[in-house]
Amino acid sequence: MIQVKVFDEDHEDDLEESLNEFLSGIPQERIVDIKYQIAVCENVHEENETMFSFSALVIYKK
């Protein structure tokens, strides 16, 4: 059975830490793919502040 796990963090270091923790519990041969994305937008609540969203989708075999 194929499953997915979604990660979303405000900082790339936090995403890396979350991914590494999750991946350490899965044998490498069960990992199908990892998709990575960064989204950037203006923060409507704070002037002149940019918001970042670092996300990853892990596709793996259960």
N, C-alpha and C. Protein backbone atom coordinates (compact mmCIF):
# COMPACT_ATOMS: atom_id res chain seq x y z
N MET A 1 0.83 -1.17 0.00
CA MET A 1 0.00 0.00 0.00
C MET A 1 0.89 1.25 0.00
N ILE A 2 0.57 2.20 -0.89
CA ILE A 2 1.30 3.46 -0.97
C ILE A 2 0.63 4.47 -0.04
N GLN A 3 1.45 5.20 0.70
CA GLN A 3 0.96 6.23 1.59
C GLN A 3 1.76 7.50 1.38
N VAL A 4 1.23 8.62 1.90
CA VAL A 4 1.94 9.90 1.83
C VAL A 4 1.99 10.53 3.22
N LYS A 5 2.99 11.36 3.41
CA LYS A 5 3.13 12.15 4.64
C LYS A 5 3.51 13.56 4.20
N VAL A 6 2.76 14.56 4.67
CA VAL A 6 3.00 15.96 4.29
C VAL A 6 3.66 16.69 5.45
N PHE A 7 4.66 17.48 5.13
CA PHE A 7 5.37 18.31 6.10
C PHE A 7 5.29 19.75 5.65
N ASP A 8 5.09 20.68 6.58
CA ASP A 8 5.03 22.11 6.25
C ASP A 8 5.62 22.89 7.42
N GLU A 9 6.65 23.67 7.13
CA GLU A 9 7.34 24.43 8.18
C GLU A 9 7.63 25.85 7.70
N ASP A 10 7.83 26.76 8.64
CA ASP A 10 8.15 28.15 8.32
C ASP A 10 9.64 28.35 8.00
N HIS A 11 10.48 27.42 8.44
CA HIS A 11 11.92 27.54 8.22
C HIS A 11 12.47 26.23 7.64
N GLU A 12 13.40 26.36 6.73
CA GLU A 12 13.96 25.17 6.08
C GLU A 12 14.66 24.23 7.05
N ASP A 13 15.27 24.78 8.09
CA ASP A 13 15.93 23.93 9.09
C ASP A 13 14.91 23.07 9.85
N ASP A 14 13.74 23.65 10.13
CA ASP A 14 12.69 22.89 10.80
C ASP A 14 12.16 21.77 9.90
N LEU A 15 12.02 22.07 8.60
CA LEU A 15 11.57 21.04 7.66
C LEU A 15 12.59 19.91 7.58
N GLU A 16 13.85 20.27 7.50
CA GLU A 16 14.91 19.26 7.44
C GLU A 16 14.87 18.36 8.68
N GLU A 17 14.72 18.96 9.84
CA GLU A 17 14.68 18.20 11.08
C GLU A 17 13.46 17.25 11.11
N SER A 18 12.29 17.76 10.72
CA SER A 18 11.08 16.94 10.70
C SER A 18 11.20 15.78 9.71
N LEU A 19 11.72 16.07 8.54
CA LEU A 19 11.89 15.03 7.52
C LEU A 19 12.87 13.96 7.98
N ASN A 20 14.01 14.39 8.49
CA ASN A 20 15.01 13.43 8.94
C ASN A 20 14.49 12.54 10.06
N GLU A 21 13.72 13.11 10.96
CA GLU A 21 13.15 12.32 12.05
C GLU A 21 12.18 11.27 11.49
N PHE A 22 11.32 11.67 10.57
CA PHE A 22 10.36 10.74 9.97
C PHE A 22 11.09 9.66 9.16
N LEU A 23 12.03 10.08 8.33
CA LEU A 23 12.73 9.15 7.44
C LEU A 23 13.60 8.16 8.20
N SER A 24 14.05 8.53 9.37
CA SER A 24 14.89 7.61 10.15
C SER A 24 14.11 6.37 10.59
N GLY A 25 12.77 6.46 10.58
CA GLY A 25 11.95 5.34 10.99
C GLY A 25 11.44 4.49 9.83
N ILE A 26 11.88 4.81 8.61
CA ILE A 26 11.43 4.07 7.43
C ILE A 26 12.64 3.50 6.70
N PRO A 27 12.62 2.19 6.40
CA PRO A 27 13.72 1.64 5.60
C PRO A 27 13.79 2.32 4.23
N GLN A 28 14.98 2.57 3.76
CA GLN A 28 15.19 3.31 2.51
C GLN A 28 14.45 2.69 1.32
N GLU A 29 14.37 1.37 1.28
CA GLU A 29 13.73 0.71 0.14
C GLU A 29 12.22 0.94 0.09
N ARG A 30 11.62 1.45 1.17
CA ARG A 30 10.18 1.74 1.19
C ARG A 30 9.86 3.15 0.71
N ILE A 31 10.86 4.00 0.57
CA ILE A 31 10.64 5.37 0.11
C ILE A 31 10.52 5.37 -1.41
N VAL A 32 9.40 5.89 -1.91
CA VAL A 32 9.14 5.94 -3.34
C VAL A 32 9.66 7.25 -3.93
N ASP A 33 9.32 8.37 -3.27
CA ASP A 33 9.72 9.68 -3.79
C ASP A 33 9.53 10.73 -2.70
N ILE A 34 10.22 11.86 -2.87
CA ILE A 34 10.04 13.01 -1.99
C ILE A 34 9.91 14.24 -2.88
N LYS A 35 8.84 14.99 -2.69
CA LYS A 35 8.59 16.23 -3.43
C LYS A 35 8.83 17.39 -2.48
N TYR A 36 9.45 18.46 -3.00
CA TYR A 36 9.82 19.60 -2.17
C TYR A 36 9.28 20.87 -2.81
N GLN A 37 8.82 21.83 -2.00
CA GLN A 37 8.28 23.07 -2.54
C GLN A 37 8.49 24.21 -1.56
N ILE A 38 8.70 25.40 -2.11
CA ILE A 38 8.79 26.62 -1.31
C ILE A 38 7.74 27.60 -1.83
N ALA A 39 6.96 28.17 -0.92
CA ALA A 39 6.00 29.21 -1.28
C ALA A 39 6.41 30.50 -0.57
N VAL A 40 6.30 31.61 -1.27
CA VAL A 40 6.68 32.91 -0.72
C VAL A 40 5.53 33.88 -0.96
N CYS A 41 5.18 34.64 0.08
CA CYS A 41 4.12 35.65 -0.07
C CYS A 41 4.35 36.79 0.91
N GLU A 42 3.66 37.89 0.65
CA GLU A 42 3.71 39.02 1.55
C GLU A 42 2.83 38.74 2.77
N ASN A 43 3.28 39.12 3.94
CA ASN A 43 2.51 38.97 5.16
C ASN A 43 1.53 40.14 5.24
N VAL A 44 0.23 39.87 5.16
CA VAL A 44 -0.76 40.94 5.17
C VAL A 44 -0.91 41.57 6.56
N HIS A 45 -0.41 40.91 7.57
CA HIS A 45 -0.52 41.41 8.95
C HIS A 45 0.67 42.28 9.36
N GLU A 46 1.79 42.13 8.68
CA GLU A 46 3.01 42.88 9.01
C GLU A 46 3.53 43.53 7.73
N GLU A 47 3.70 44.83 7.74
CA GLU A 47 4.18 45.54 6.57
C GLU A 47 5.65 45.21 6.30
N ASN A 48 5.98 45.06 5.04
CA ASN A 48 7.35 44.77 4.59
C ASN A 48 7.90 43.47 5.16
N GLU A 49 7.05 42.50 5.40
CA GLU A 49 7.51 41.20 5.88
C GLU A 49 7.10 40.12 4.88
N THR A 50 8.03 39.27 4.54
CA THR A 50 7.77 38.19 3.61
C THR A 50 7.61 36.89 4.40
N MET A 51 6.63 36.10 4.02
CA MET A 51 6.39 34.80 4.66
C MET A 51 6.89 33.69 3.74
N PHE A 52 7.47 32.67 4.34
CA PHE A 52 7.94 31.51 3.60
C PHE A 52 7.25 30.26 4.13
N SER A 53 6.98 29.34 3.23
CA SER A 53 6.45 28.03 3.61
C SER A 53 7.28 26.98 2.90
N PHE A 54 7.97 26.16 3.68
CA PHE A 54 8.79 25.08 3.14
C PHE A 54 8.02 23.79 3.36
N SER A 55 7.75 23.07 2.28
CA SER A 55 6.95 21.86 2.43
C SER A 55 7.55 20.70 1.66
N ALA A 56 7.20 19.51 2.10
CA ALA A 56 7.66 18.30 1.45
C ALA A 56 6.56 17.25 1.55
N LEU A 57 6.49 16.42 0.53
CA LEU A 57 5.57 15.30 0.49
C LEU A 57 6.41 14.04 0.33
N VAL A 58 6.28 13.14 1.29
CA VAL A 58 7.01 11.87 1.23
C VAL A 58 6.02 10.80 0.78
N ILE A 59 6.36 10.11 -0.30
CA ILE A 59 5.55 9.01 -0.80
C ILE A 59 6.32 7.74 -0.44
N TYR A 60 5.64 6.82 0.26
CA TYR A 60 6.34 5.63 0.72
C TYR A 60 5.41 4.42 0.74
N LYS A 61 6.01 3.25 0.79
CA LYS A 61 5.25 2.01 0.88
C LYS A 61 5.08 1.63 2.33
N LYS A 62 3.86 1.27 2.68
CA LYS A 62 3.58 0.89 4.06
C LYS A 62 3.95 -0.55 4.30
